[in-house]
């Protein structure tokens, strides 16, 4: 899949990759299962599904506001392992409650919230840990390998989830995710590289003053850097559109288009095929177009292809062939996810490269607040618009909002290659203020 390189022989990176591989697969099962539990097992409305989506995402805002500095001032591998253990125990509780006959929507929402918060901690920490584990010049390759694993998980996870849910029920299927988190924790524990100890003067407890200071440092790092600022502003618009997608896509496919759970899982898995292609082609697209133009084109293509979702509903409403409807949905998954992953690899690598390593935790936390924080807002409005009009109308609104995102990337269009990274500097120096 990838040419032989130092990372194939980098034992600790391979352990990190193995941890992510199984965790990513299991996560797809739970991600697919939670809304299905709400829709099929517990017969919830569009608004309740939107509330589930919101409360899965909202804890990430609190994490971003409070944990960035904590991540920068502590050993990141321990934080990653702790997040995996929390997620494993929480997801397993769904299966236990189902077996005991006491599963409720409240329980599902609580699980979604805890897993969402722990996943936010993991994601922010993981993005800060990778540059400490491998060289800067290997970041693009490392991110491509990790995204390729996400893509393979997208291919196998949802399809497996659909089959497992159809055979055993969604609450049982999520037990596999719990096992995957345990495996991830074990592989992370096997990493031998010793992280540099945090400076003693920075090892302070979380306090309101410290949290405020950490957030300001993260905001200065992100919005004070013209390259990172353009990427984050684009992501913010993209996130609002993504909130609509997260809240409505399962409902749209299962209720409006009347797909079976197995067919839905297969359609979602096609996005993994596109994602895998995007991970493999990302660097080639940059070599062809130049970094800045590639970022603009890849984001624009991903968002334009999202129009295929409501077009599938329009075709179904006018009596179109079911195979054409499936073709629209499959093409969206292949193309939109492919261009999205190709974009994310370069965007993440770019910010990991241009920002000082010792503020990456706080910068990632600020980015999480201003991007993932908008997902629940989009999801909430999606549910309201769907209730007032229709699910299809709400899908059109969300997709059209996303088309604005590439505009914010236009200032980067003249960027040809990955810029040189800065030396690590104290977090409060003028370089990031």
Protein backbone atom coordinates (compact mmCIF):
# COMPACT_ATOMS: atom_id res chain seq x y z
CA UNK A 1 0.00 0.00 0.00
CA UNK A 2 2.81 2.37 0.92
CA UNK A 3 6.45 2.30 -0.14
CA UNK A 4 8.97 0.95 2.35
CA UNK A 5 10.16 3.68 4.64
CA UNK A 6 11.47 4.35 8.10
CA UNK A 7 7.98 4.18 9.64
CA UNK A 8 7.55 0.55 8.62
CA UNK A 9 10.65 -0.15 10.72
CA UNK A 10 9.63 2.25 13.52
CA UNK A 11 8.52 -0.24 16.20
CA UNK A 12 6.75 2.28 18.43
CA UNK A 13 4.84 3.85 15.55
CA UNK A 14 3.74 0.37 14.51
CA UNK A 15 2.43 -0.24 18.04
CA UNK A 16 0.53 3.04 17.90
CA UNK A 17 -0.81 2.06 14.49
CA UNK A 18 -1.93 -1.36 15.75
CA UNK A 19 -3.72 0.26 18.69
CA UNK A 20 -5.55 2.62 16.39
CA UNK A 21 -6.38 -0.17 13.93
CA UNK A 22 -8.56 -2.19 16.29
CA UNK A 23 -9.98 0.81 18.11
CA UNK A 24 -11.05 2.39 14.81
CA UNK A 25 -12.84 -0.79 13.75
CA UNK A 26 -14.76 -1.10 17.01
CA UNK A 27 -15.64 2.59 17.07
CA UNK A 28 -17.39 2.25 13.72
CA UNK A 29 -19.62 -0.42 15.19
CA UNK A 30 -20.71 1.78 18.10
CA UNK A 31 -21.07 4.85 15.87
CA UNK A 32 -23.39 2.87 13.59
CA UNK A 33 -25.17 1.13 16.46
CA UNK A 34 -26.09 4.06 18.73
CA UNK A 35 -28.51 5.80 16.34
CA UNK A 36 -29.87 2.41 15.27
CA UNK A 37 -30.53 1.57 18.93
CA UNK A 38 -32.40 4.87 19.20
CA UNK A 39 -34.36 4.45 15.97
CA UNK A 40 -35.02 0.71 15.80
CA UNK A 41 -34.70 -0.69 19.34
CA UNK A 42 -36.14 2.26 21.29
CA UNK A 43 -38.34 3.84 18.54
CA UNK A 44 -37.17 7.42 19.17
CA UNK A 45 -38.11 10.52 17.15
CA UNK A 46 -35.90 12.74 14.97
CA UNK A 47 -35.53 15.21 17.83
CA UNK A 48 -34.33 12.53 20.26
CA UNK A 49 -31.81 11.25 17.73
CA UNK A 50 -30.56 14.82 17.32
CA UNK A 51 -30.31 15.14 21.11
CA UNK A 52 -28.25 11.92 21.16
CA UNK A 53 -25.92 13.38 18.53
CA UNK A 54 -25.63 16.66 20.42
CA UNK A 55 -24.83 14.99 23.74
CA UNK A 56 -22.24 12.76 22.07
CA UNK A 57 -20.45 15.86 20.84
CA UNK A 58 -21.04 18.43 23.57
CA UNK A 59 -18.60 16.89 26.10
CA UNK A 60 -15.85 17.49 23.58
CA UNK A 61 -16.37 21.23 24.04
CA UNK A 62 -15.80 20.92 27.79
CA UNK A 63 -12.72 18.78 27.14
CA UNK A 64 -11.35 21.36 24.72
CA UNK A 65 -11.94 24.16 27.20
CA UNK A 66 -10.26 22.41 30.12
CA UNK A 67 -7.79 19.72 29.04
CA UNK A 68 -5.44 21.31 26.49
CA UNK A 69 -2.89 22.49 29.02
CA UNK A 70 -3.25 19.29 31.06
CA UNK A 71 -2.31 17.32 27.93
CA UNK A 72 0.71 19.54 27.21
CA UNK A 73 1.95 19.24 30.81
CA UNK A 74 1.57 15.46 31.23
CA UNK A 75 2.70 12.26 29.57
CA UNK A 76 0.42 11.77 26.60
CA UNK A 77 0.62 8.00 26.33
CA UNK A 78 -0.86 7.59 29.82
CA UNK A 79 -3.75 9.88 28.87
CA UNK A 80 -4.42 7.83 25.72
CA UNK A 81 -4.50 4.57 27.71
CA UNK A 82 -6.83 6.08 30.31
CA UNK A 83 -9.23 7.28 27.60
CA UNK A 84 -9.34 3.77 26.11
CA UNK A 85 -10.13 2.16 29.48
CA UNK A 86 -12.97 4.61 30.15
CA UNK A 87 -14.46 3.99 26.72
CA UNK A 88 -14.23 0.21 27.07
CA UNK A 89 -16.07 0.15 30.40
CA UNK A 90 -18.74 2.61 29.27
CA UNK A 91 -19.57 0.88 25.99
CA UNK A 92 -19.69 -2.53 27.71
CA UNK A 93 -22.40 -1.18 30.05
CA UNK A 94 -24.81 -0.96 27.09
CA UNK A 95 -24.58 -4.69 26.46
CA UNK A 96 -24.96 -5.48 30.16
CA UNK A 97 -28.07 -3.27 30.45
CA UNK A 98 -29.58 -4.86 27.34
CA UNK A 99 -28.99 -8.38 28.66
CA UNK A 100 -30.66 -7.37 31.95
CA UNK A 101 -33.62 -5.84 30.10
CA UNK A 102 -33.09 -2.34 31.52
CA UNK A 103 -31.69 -0.53 28.47
CA UNK A 104 -33.19 2.95 28.08
CA UNK A 105 -32.68 6.04 25.97
CA UNK A 106 -31.28 7.84 29.00
CA UNK A 107 -28.61 5.15 29.30
CA UNK A 108 -27.79 5.39 25.59
CA UNK A 109 -27.43 9.18 25.85
CA UNK A 110 -25.19 8.90 28.94
CA UNK A 111 -22.98 6.36 27.19
CA UNK A 112 -22.81 8.56 24.11
CA UNK A 113 -21.79 11.55 26.24
CA UNK A 114 -19.06 9.73 28.18
CA UNK A 115 -17.64 8.05 25.10
CA UNK A 116 -17.78 11.38 23.26
CA UNK A 117 -15.82 13.12 26.00
CA UNK A 118 -13.21 10.35 26.28
CA UNK A 119 -12.88 10.23 22.49
CA UNK A 120 -12.26 13.98 22.43
CA UNK A 121 -9.48 13.55 25.01
CA UNK A 122 -8.00 10.74 22.91
CA UNK A 123 -8.18 12.67 19.64
CA UNK A 124 -6.62 15.86 21.02
CA UNK A 125 -3.87 13.90 22.79
CA UNK A 126 -3.19 11.65 19.79
CA UNK A 127 -2.63 14.62 17.48
CA UNK A 128 -0.15 16.04 20.01
CA UNK A 129 1.56 12.68 20.66
CA UNK A 130 2.43 11.75 17.06
CA UNK A 131 4.93 14.62 16.53
CA UNK A 132 6.66 13.54 19.76
CA UNK A 133 6.94 9.95 18.53
CA UNK A 134 8.18 10.46 14.94
CA UNK A 135 10.19 13.06 13.05
CA UNK A 136 8.55 16.12 11.52
CA UNK A 137 9.51 14.99 8.02
CA UNK A 138 7.62 11.73 8.61
CA UNK A 139 4.38 13.39 9.77
CA UNK A 140 2.67 13.36 6.38
CA UNK A 141 3.43 9.67 5.94
CA UNK A 142 2.40 8.89 9.51
CA UNK A 143 -0.91 10.73 9.17
CA UNK A 144 -1.53 9.01 5.83
CA UNK A 145 -0.97 5.59 7.39
CA UNK A 146 -3.27 6.37 10.32
CA UNK A 147 -5.94 7.71 7.98
CA UNK A 148 -5.62 4.61 5.79
CA UNK A 149 -6.44 2.54 8.86
CA UNK A 150 -9.44 4.75 9.54
CA UNK A 151 -10.48 4.15 5.95
CA UNK A 152 -10.16 0.37 6.21
CA UNK A 153 -12.17 0.52 9.42
CA UNK A 154 -14.78 2.54 7.55
CA UNK A 155 -14.96 -0.21 4.95
CA UNK A 156 -15.21 -3.13 7.35
CA UNK A 157 -16.71 -1.58 10.49
CA UNK A 158 -20.12 -0.32 9.32
CA UNK A 159 -20.70 -3.33 7.06
CA UNK A 160 -19.82 -5.66 9.93
CA UNK A 161 -21.97 -3.55 12.22
CA UNK A 162 -24.94 -3.89 9.89
CA UNK A 163 -24.57 -7.66 9.76
CA UNK A 164 -23.95 -8.00 13.51
CA UNK A 165 -26.87 -5.72 14.36
CA UNK A 166 -29.18 -7.63 12.04
CA UNK A 167 -28.08 -10.95 13.54
CA UNK A 168 -27.74 -10.16 17.25
CA UNK A 169 -29.08 -6.65 17.84
CA UNK A 170 -27.25 -3.36 18.20
CA UNK A 171 -26.72 -3.53 21.99
CA UNK A 172 -24.81 -6.80 21.62
CA UNK A 173 -22.73 -5.59 18.69
CA UNK A 174 -21.18 -2.73 20.69
CA UNK A 175 -19.48 -5.26 23.00
CA UNK A 176 -16.94 -5.74 20.22
CA UNK A 177 -16.04 -2.07 20.52
CA UNK A 178 -15.30 -2.53 24.22
CA UNK A 179 -12.86 -5.32 23.37
CA UNK A 180 -11.19 -3.14 20.74
CA UNK A 181 -10.57 -0.37 23.27
CA UNK A 182 -8.95 -2.87 25.65
CA UNK A 183 -6.67 -4.05 22.85
CA UNK A 184 -5.78 -0.46 21.99
CA UNK A 185 -4.79 0.23 25.60
CA UNK A 186 -2.58 -2.87 25.65
CA UNK A 187 -0.76 -1.90 22.44
CA UNK A 188 -0.23 1.66 23.66
CA UNK A 189 1.18 0.24 26.88
CA UNK A 190 3.74 -1.70 24.82
CA UNK A 191 5.28 1.48 23.34
CA UNK A 192 8.86 1.67 24.61
CA UNK A 193 9.77 5.27 23.81
CA UNK A 194 9.99 7.32 27.00
CA UNK A 195 8.30 10.69 26.74
CA UNK A 196 10.18 13.75 27.88
CA UNK A 197 9.06 14.63 31.39
CA UNK A 198 7.02 17.84 31.67
CA UNK A 199 8.80 20.83 33.14
CA UNK A 200 8.29 20.85 36.95
CA UNK A 201 7.11 24.45 36.96
CA UNK A 202 4.35 23.53 34.49
CA UNK A 203 3.05 20.51 36.43
CA UNK A 204 0.28 22.45 38.13
CA UNK A 205 -3.24 21.38 38.98
CA UNK A 206 -6.15 22.48 36.84
CA UNK A 207 -7.56 25.72 38.17
CA UNK A 208 -9.89 28.31 36.68
CA UNK A 209 -6.96 30.69 36.14
CA UNK A 210 -4.80 27.98 34.60
CA UNK A 211 -7.62 26.80 32.32
CA UNK A 212 -8.22 30.36 31.15
CA UNK A 213 -4.53 30.85 30.50
CA UNK A 214 -4.28 27.55 28.58
CA UNK A 215 -7.25 28.44 26.41
CA UNK A 216 -5.75 31.84 25.58
CA UNK A 217 -2.45 30.21 24.61
CA UNK A 218 -4.30 27.76 22.35
CA UNK A 219 -6.40 30.48 20.74
CA UNK A 220 -3.32 32.64 20.07
CA UNK A 221 -1.53 29.67 18.54
CA UNK A 222 -4.46 28.85 16.24
CA UNK A 223 -5.93 32.19 15.24
CA UNK A 224 -2.64 34.07 15.38
CA UNK A 225 -1.13 31.89 12.66
CA UNK A 226 -2.48 32.77 9.19
CA UNK A 227 -2.19 29.24 7.81
CA UNK A 228 -3.81 27.51 10.77
CA UNK A 229 -6.47 30.23 11.03
CA UNK A 230 -7.60 29.66 7.42
CA UNK A 231 -7.85 25.90 7.95
CA UNK A 232 -9.80 26.25 11.20
CA UNK A 233 -12.27 28.79 9.79
CA UNK A 234 -12.97 26.40 6.93
CA UNK A 235 -13.38 23.52 9.38
CA UNK A 236 -15.85 25.56 11.44
CA UNK A 237 -18.23 25.94 8.49
CA UNK A 238 -17.66 22.32 7.53
CA UNK A 239 -18.54 21.29 11.09
CA UNK A 240 -21.95 23.01 10.99
CA UNK A 241 -22.74 21.11 7.80
CA UNK A 242 -21.37 17.94 9.38
CA UNK A 243 -23.77 18.35 12.29
CA UNK A 244 -26.69 18.14 9.86
CA UNK A 245 -25.18 15.01 8.33
CA UNK A 246 -24.60 13.29 11.68
CA UNK A 247 -28.12 14.00 12.90
CA UNK A 248 -30.03 13.15 9.74
CA UNK A 249 -28.12 10.68 7.59
CA UNK A 250 -29.18 7.52 9.44
CA UNK A 251 -32.80 8.69 9.62
CA UNK A 252 -32.74 9.75 5.97
CA UNK A 253 -31.46 6.38 4.77
CA UNK A 254 -33.52 4.13 7.06
CA UNK A 255 -36.84 5.99 7.08
CA UNK A 256 -37.00 8.19 3.99
CA UNK A 257 -35.21 5.84 1.58
CA UNK A 258 -36.26 2.68 3.44
CA UNK A 259 -32.86 0.99 3.31
CA UNK A 260 -32.35 -2.12 5.40
CA UNK A 261 -29.79 -1.97 8.18
CA UNK A 262 -27.47 -4.28 6.24
CA UNK A 263 -27.73 -2.18 3.06
CA UNK A 264 -27.12 0.96 5.08
CA UNK A 265 -23.97 -0.57 6.57
CA UNK A 266 -22.70 -1.48 3.11
CA UNK A 267 -23.34 2.04 1.79
CA UNK A 268 -21.45 3.58 4.70
CA UNK A 269 -18.61 1.09 4.16
CA UNK A 270 -18.19 2.41 0.61
CA UNK A 271 -17.04 5.65 2.21
CA UNK A 272 -14.16 3.66 3.62
CA UNK A 273 -13.10 2.64 0.12
CA UNK A 274 -13.09 6.29 -0.88
CA UNK A 275 -11.22 7.22 2.30
CA UNK A 276 -8.56 4.60 1.62
CA UNK A 277 -8.09 5.98 -1.89
CA UNK A 278 -7.90 9.50 -0.48
CA UNK A 279 -5.23 8.44 2.02
CA UNK A 280 -3.17 6.84 -0.73
CA UNK A 281 -3.55 9.71 -3.20
CA UNK A 282 -3.31 12.72 -0.90
CA UNK A 283 0.40 13.30 -1.37
CA UNK A 284 0.13 12.75 -5.13
CA UNK A 285 -2.59 15.38 -5.40
CA UNK A 286 -0.35 17.82 -3.50
CA UNK A 287 2.57 17.01 -5.81
CA UNK A 288 0.32 17.67 -8.82
CA UNK A 289 -1.47 20.84 -7.70
CA UNK A 290 0.75 22.26 -4.96
CA UNK A 291 -0.24 22.21 -1.31
CA UNK A 292 -2.47 25.30 -1.16
CA UNK A 293 -4.42 24.62 -4.35
CA UNK A 294 -4.79 20.97 -3.34
CA UNK A 295 -6.36 21.98 -0.02
CA UNK A 296 -8.89 24.19 -1.79
CA UNK A 297 -9.74 21.63 -4.48
CA UNK A 298 -9.98 18.64 -2.14
CA UNK A 299 -12.27 20.42 0.30
CA UNK A 300 -14.47 21.83 -2.47
CA UNK A 301 -14.85 18.46 -4.19
CA UNK A 302 -15.76 16.72 -0.93
CA UNK A 303 -18.49 19.24 -0.14
CA UNK A 304 -19.89 19.44 -3.68
CA UNK A 305 -20.22 15.65 -3.76
CA UNK A 306 -22.39 15.85 -0.63
CA UNK A 307 -25.16 17.17 -2.91
CA UNK A 308 -25.63 13.56 -4.00
CA UNK A 309 -27.38 12.76 -0.69
CA UNK A 310 -30.46 14.97 -1.11
CA UNK A 311 -30.39 14.24 -4.85
CA UNK A 312 -30.89 10.57 -3.95
CA UNK A 313 -33.98 11.57 -1.96
CA UNK A 314 -35.25 13.69 -4.84
CA UNK A 315 -34.83 10.78 -7.24
CA UNK A 316 -36.64 8.42 -4.86
CA UNK A 317 -39.50 10.89 -4.39
CA UNK A 318 -40.02 11.16 -8.15
CA UNK A 319 -40.21 7.40 -8.62
CA UNK A 320 -36.62 6.81 -9.68
CA UNK A 321 -34.96 3.43 -9.75
CA UNK A 322 -33.81 2.08 -6.39
CA UNK A 323 -30.46 1.23 -7.97
CA UNK A 324 -30.02 4.86 -9.01
CA UNK A 325 -30.72 5.94 -5.45
CA UNK A 326 -28.09 3.51 -4.21
CA UNK A 327 -25.74 4.79 -6.91
CA UNK A 328 -26.08 8.36 -5.66
CA UNK A 329 -25.47 7.32 -2.06
CA UNK A 330 -22.52 5.12 -2.99
CA UNK A 331 -20.95 7.82 -5.17
CA UNK A 332 -21.26 10.29 -2.32
CA UNK A 333 -19.51 7.93 0.08
CA UNK A 334 -16.73 7.16 -2.37
CA UNK A 335 -16.01 10.67 -3.61
CA UNK A 336 -16.88 12.88 -0.66
CA UNK A 337 -15.08 10.74 1.90
CA UNK A 338 -12.10 10.28 -0.40
CA UNK A 339 -11.52 13.98 -0.95
CA UNK A 340 -12.25 14.70 2.71
CA UNK A 341 -9.57 12.30 3.97
CA UNK A 342 -7.05 13.56 1.42
CA UNK A 343 -7.71 17.07 2.74
CA UNK A 344 -7.54 16.11 6.43
CA UNK A 345 -4.14 14.40 6.05
CA UNK A 346 -2.59 17.56 4.65
CA UNK A 347 -4.44 19.94 6.99
CA UNK A 348 -3.44 18.04 10.14
CA UNK A 349 0.16 17.63 8.96
CA UNK A 350 0.32 21.33 8.14
CA UNK A 351 -0.73 22.44 11.59
CA UNK A 352 1.50 19.85 13.28
CA UNK A 353 4.38 21.25 11.23
CA UNK A 354 3.91 25.00 11.64
CA UNK A 355 2.96 25.10 15.33
CA UNK A 356 5.48 24.57 18.15
CA UNK A 357 5.24 21.07 19.58
CA UNK A 358 4.87 22.24 23.17
CA UNK A 359 1.58 24.05 22.45
CA UNK A 360 0.01 21.36 20.25
CA UNK A 361 -2.21 20.07 23.07
CA UNK A 362 -3.64 23.53 23.72
CA UNK A 363 -3.88 24.32 20.01
CA UNK A 364 -5.65 21.02 19.29
CA UNK A 365 -8.00 21.68 22.21
CA UNK A 366 -8.87 25.14 20.85
CA UNK A 367 -9.44 23.67 17.39
CA UNK A 368 -11.66 20.98 18.91
CA UNK A 369 -13.77 23.62 20.66
CA UNK A 370 -14.24 25.71 17.54
CA UNK A 371 -14.92 22.82 15.17
CA UNK A 372 -16.43 19.88 17.08
CA UNK A 373 -18.22 22.45 19.23
CA UNK A 374 -20.24 23.47 16.19
CA UNK A 375 -21.27 19.91 15.32
CA UNK A 376 -23.95 19.69 18.05
CA UNK A 377 -25.28 23.12 17.06
CA UNK A 378 -25.65 21.92 13.49
CA UNK A 379 -27.21 18.65 14.69
CA UNK A 380 -29.72 20.48 16.89
CA UNK A 381 -30.82 22.82 14.10
CA UNK A 382 -31.00 19.84 11.76
CA UNK A 383 -33.51 18.13 14.04
CA UNK A 384 -35.59 21.29 14.39
CA UNK A 385 -35.67 21.97 10.64
CA UNK A 386 -36.52 18.31 9.95
CA UNK A 387 -39.43 18.47 12.40
CA UNK A 388 -40.74 21.75 10.94
CA UNK A 389 -40.29 20.80 7.29
CA UNK A 390 -38.89 17.39 6.33
CA UNK A 391 -35.72 15.37 6.69
CA UNK A 392 -34.95 15.88 3.00
CA UNK A 393 -35.29 19.68 3.27
CA UNK A 394 -32.99 19.73 6.28
CA UNK A 395 -30.43 17.69 4.33
CA UNK A 396 -30.48 20.28 1.53
CA UNK A 397 -29.90 23.08 4.05
CA UNK A 398 -26.95 21.32 5.66
CA UNK A 399 -25.26 20.42 2.39
CA UNK A 400 -25.62 23.94 0.97
CA UNK A 401 -24.13 25.47 4.12
CA UNK A 402 -21.04 23.33 3.66
CA UNK A 403 -20.34 24.77 0.21
CA UNK A 404 -19.10 27.98 1.87
CA UNK A 405 -16.19 26.25 3.67
CA UNK A 406 -13.61 26.20 0.81
CA UNK A 407 -13.81 29.99 0.49
CA UNK A 408 -11.81 30.37 3.72
CA UNK A 409 -8.97 28.32 2.23
CA UNK A 410 -8.42 30.64 -0.73
CA UNK A 411 -5.66 32.67 1.04
CA UNK A 412 -3.58 29.44 1.05
CA UNK A 413 -3.87 28.80 -2.67
CA UNK A 414 -0.34 30.11 -3.38
CA UNK A 415 1.30 27.78 -0.84
CA UNK A 416 3.37 25.32 -2.88
CA UNK A 417 4.92 22.96 -0.33
CA UNK A 418 4.90 22.19 3.38
CA UNK A 419 6.62 25.12 5.15
CA UNK A 420 9.51 24.63 7.53
CA UNK A 421 8.50 23.90 11.11
CA UNK A 422 9.53 26.11 14.02
CA UNK A 423 11.88 25.06 16.77
CA UNK A 424 10.09 24.37 20.04
CA UNK A 425 9.79 27.62 21.97
CA UNK A 426 8.24 28.59 25.29
CA UNK A 427 4.46 28.64 25.04
CA UNK A 428 4.11 32.32 25.84
CA UNK A 429 6.75 33.84 23.58
CA UNK A 430 5.79 36.36 20.84
CA UNK A 431 5.98 33.56 18.26
CA UNK A 432 2.46 32.47 19.13
CA UNK A 433 0.97 35.59 20.68
